[in-house]
Amino acid sequence: MEEGPFAGKAQINSVLCKGCGLCTASCRSGAIHLKGFDNNQIFSQIFALEEAV
């Protein structure tokens, strides 16, 4: 994530994005959305990863 052109607003660099959904899950305001996945699917993947580790 990088600071966007407006102070205090984050901007995702799509070139560096791996599509993991971590930014979406950690965004407290719910402002970030990952194309192709809804929040429940992303959280399920993160919880499954936690259980595997």
N, C-alpha and C. Protein backbone atom coordinates (compact mmCIF):
# COMPACT_ATOMS: atom_id res chain seq x y z
N MET A 1 0.84 -1.17 0.00
CA MET A 1 0.00 0.00 0.00
C MET A 1 0.89 1.23 0.00
N GLU A 2 0.44 2.24 -0.65
CA GLU A 2 1.15 3.50 -0.73
C GLU A 2 0.20 4.62 -0.37
N GLU A 3 0.76 5.75 0.07
CA GLU A 3 -0.09 6.90 0.32
C GLU A 3 -0.54 7.45 -1.02
N GLY A 4 -1.82 7.68 -1.15
CA GLY A 4 -2.37 8.17 -2.41
C GLY A 4 -2.13 9.66 -2.60
N PRO A 5 -2.67 10.21 -3.67
CA PRO A 5 -2.46 11.63 -3.96
C PRO A 5 -3.11 12.56 -2.94
N PHE A 6 -4.05 12.06 -2.17
CA PHE A 6 -4.69 12.84 -1.13
C PHE A 6 -4.14 12.39 0.21
N ALA A 7 -3.65 13.31 1.01
CA ALA A 7 -3.01 12.98 2.29
C ALA A 7 -3.92 12.12 3.15
N GLY A 8 -3.36 11.06 3.70
CA GLY A 8 -4.08 10.20 4.62
C GLY A 8 -4.92 9.12 3.97
N LYS A 9 -4.93 9.03 2.66
CA LYS A 9 -5.70 7.99 1.98
C LYS A 9 -4.74 7.00 1.34
N ALA A 10 -4.97 5.74 1.59
CA ALA A 10 -4.11 4.69 1.03
C ALA A 10 -4.52 4.37 -0.40
N GLN A 11 -3.56 3.91 -1.16
CA GLN A 11 -3.82 3.51 -2.54
C GLN A 11 -3.08 2.20 -2.79
N ILE A 12 -3.75 1.22 -3.37
CA ILE A 12 -3.14 -0.07 -3.66
C ILE A 12 -2.39 0.01 -4.99
N ASN A 13 -1.15 -0.43 -4.99
CA ASN A 13 -0.37 -0.49 -6.22
C ASN A 13 -0.72 -1.81 -6.91
N SER A 14 -1.51 -1.75 -7.97
CA SER A 14 -2.00 -2.96 -8.63
C SER A 14 -0.89 -3.78 -9.26
N VAL A 15 0.25 -3.18 -9.55
CA VAL A 15 1.38 -3.91 -10.11
C VAL A 15 1.98 -4.85 -9.07
N LEU A 16 1.99 -4.41 -7.81
CA LEU A 16 2.58 -5.21 -6.73
C LEU A 16 1.58 -6.14 -6.05
N CYS A 17 0.30 -5.96 -6.34
CA CYS A 17 -0.75 -6.75 -5.68
C CYS A 17 -0.64 -8.23 -6.05
N LYS A 18 -0.67 -9.09 -5.02
CA LYS A 18 -0.63 -10.54 -5.22
C LYS A 18 -2.04 -11.15 -5.19
N GLY A 19 -3.04 -10.35 -4.83
CA GLY A 19 -4.41 -10.85 -4.78
C GLY A 19 -4.71 -11.71 -3.56
N CYS A 20 -3.92 -11.55 -2.49
CA CYS A 20 -4.09 -12.40 -1.31
C CYS A 20 -5.28 -11.99 -0.44
N GLY A 21 -5.70 -10.72 -0.52
CA GLY A 21 -6.84 -10.25 0.26
C GLY A 21 -6.50 -9.74 1.64
N LEU A 22 -5.23 -9.72 2.01
CA LEU A 22 -4.83 -9.27 3.34
C LEU A 22 -5.21 -7.81 3.57
N CYS A 23 -5.04 -6.97 2.57
CA CYS A 23 -5.40 -5.56 2.71
C CYS A 23 -6.90 -5.41 2.94
N THR A 24 -7.69 -6.21 2.24
CA THR A 24 -9.14 -6.16 2.37
C THR A 24 -9.57 -6.58 3.77
N ALA A 25 -8.97 -7.64 4.27
CA ALA A 25 -9.32 -8.15 5.59
C ALA A 25 -8.89 -7.21 6.70
N SER A 26 -7.80 -6.49 6.51
CA SER A 26 -7.28 -5.63 7.57
C SER A 26 -7.80 -4.20 7.51
N CYS A 27 -8.54 -3.85 6.47
CA CYS A 27 -9.06 -2.48 6.34
C CYS A 27 -10.23 -2.30 7.30
N ARG A 28 -10.03 -1.47 8.32
CA ARG A 28 -11.06 -1.28 9.35
C ARG A 28 -12.31 -0.59 8.83
N SER A 29 -12.15 0.24 7.82
CA SER A 29 -13.31 0.98 7.32
C SER A 29 -14.08 0.22 6.24
N GLY A 30 -13.52 -0.91 5.77
CA GLY A 30 -14.19 -1.70 4.74
C GLY A 30 -14.17 -1.04 3.38
N ALA A 31 -13.20 -0.15 3.16
CA ALA A 31 -13.13 0.62 1.92
C ALA A 31 -12.47 -0.14 0.78
N ILE A 32 -11.75 -1.23 1.08
CA ILE A 32 -11.03 -1.96 0.05
C ILE A 32 -11.82 -3.21 -0.33
N HIS A 33 -11.98 -3.43 -1.61
CA HIS A 33 -12.69 -4.61 -2.11
C HIS A 33 -11.81 -5.32 -3.12
N LEU A 34 -11.72 -6.63 -3.01
CA LEU A 34 -10.93 -7.43 -3.94
C LEU A 34 -11.85 -7.98 -5.01
N LYS A 35 -11.55 -7.71 -6.25
CA LYS A 35 -12.39 -8.17 -7.35
C LYS A 35 -12.40 -9.69 -7.41
N GLY A 36 -13.58 -10.26 -7.55
CA GLY A 36 -13.71 -11.70 -7.70
C GLY A 36 -13.96 -12.45 -6.40
N PHE A 37 -13.80 -11.79 -5.24
CA PHE A 37 -14.00 -12.44 -3.94
C PHE A 37 -14.82 -11.52 -3.05
N ASP A 38 -15.73 -12.10 -2.26
CA ASP A 38 -16.41 -11.29 -1.26
C ASP A 38 -15.68 -11.43 0.08
N ASN A 39 -16.05 -10.62 1.05
CA ASN A 39 -15.35 -10.61 2.33
C ASN A 39 -15.39 -11.96 3.03
N ASN A 40 -16.51 -12.67 2.97
CA ASN A 40 -16.61 -13.97 3.64
C ASN A 40 -15.62 -14.97 3.05
N GLN A 41 -15.43 -14.95 1.75
CA GLN A 41 -14.47 -15.86 1.11
C GLN A 41 -13.04 -15.53 1.53
N ILE A 42 -12.73 -14.26 1.61
CA ILE A 42 -11.38 -13.85 2.02
C ILE A 42 -11.12 -14.24 3.46
N PHE A 43 -12.08 -13.95 4.36
CA PHE A 43 -11.91 -14.31 5.76
C PHE A 43 -11.77 -15.82 5.93
N SER A 44 -12.52 -16.59 5.17
CA SER A 44 -12.43 -18.06 5.24
C SER A 44 -11.03 -18.53 4.86
N GLN A 45 -10.45 -17.92 3.84
CA GLN A 45 -9.09 -18.29 3.43
C GLN A 45 -8.08 -17.95 4.51
N ILE A 46 -8.23 -16.79 5.13
CA ILE A 46 -7.30 -16.38 6.19
C ILE A 46 -7.43 -17.30 7.40
N PHE A 47 -8.65 -17.63 7.80
CA PHE A 47 -8.84 -18.52 8.95
C PHE A 47 -8.29 -19.91 8.66
N ALA A 48 -8.46 -20.40 7.44
CA ALA A 48 -7.92 -21.71 7.07
C ALA A 48 -6.40 -21.69 7.12
N LEU A 49 -5.81 -20.60 6.71
CA LEU A 49 -4.35 -20.48 6.77
C LEU A 49 -3.87 -20.47 8.21
N GLU A 50 -4.58 -19.76 9.09
CA GLU A 50 -4.21 -19.73 10.51
C GLU A 50 -4.24 -21.13 11.11
N GLU A 51 -5.26 -21.91 10.77
CA GLU A 51 -5.38 -23.27 11.30
C GLU A 51 -4.26 -24.17 10.79
N ALA A 52 -3.84 -23.94 9.55
CA ALA A 52 -2.78 -24.76 8.96
C ALA A 52 -1.42 -24.48 9.57
N VAL A 53 -1.24 -23.28 10.09
CA VAL A 53 0.05 -22.89 10.67
C VAL A 53 0.00 -23.15 12.11
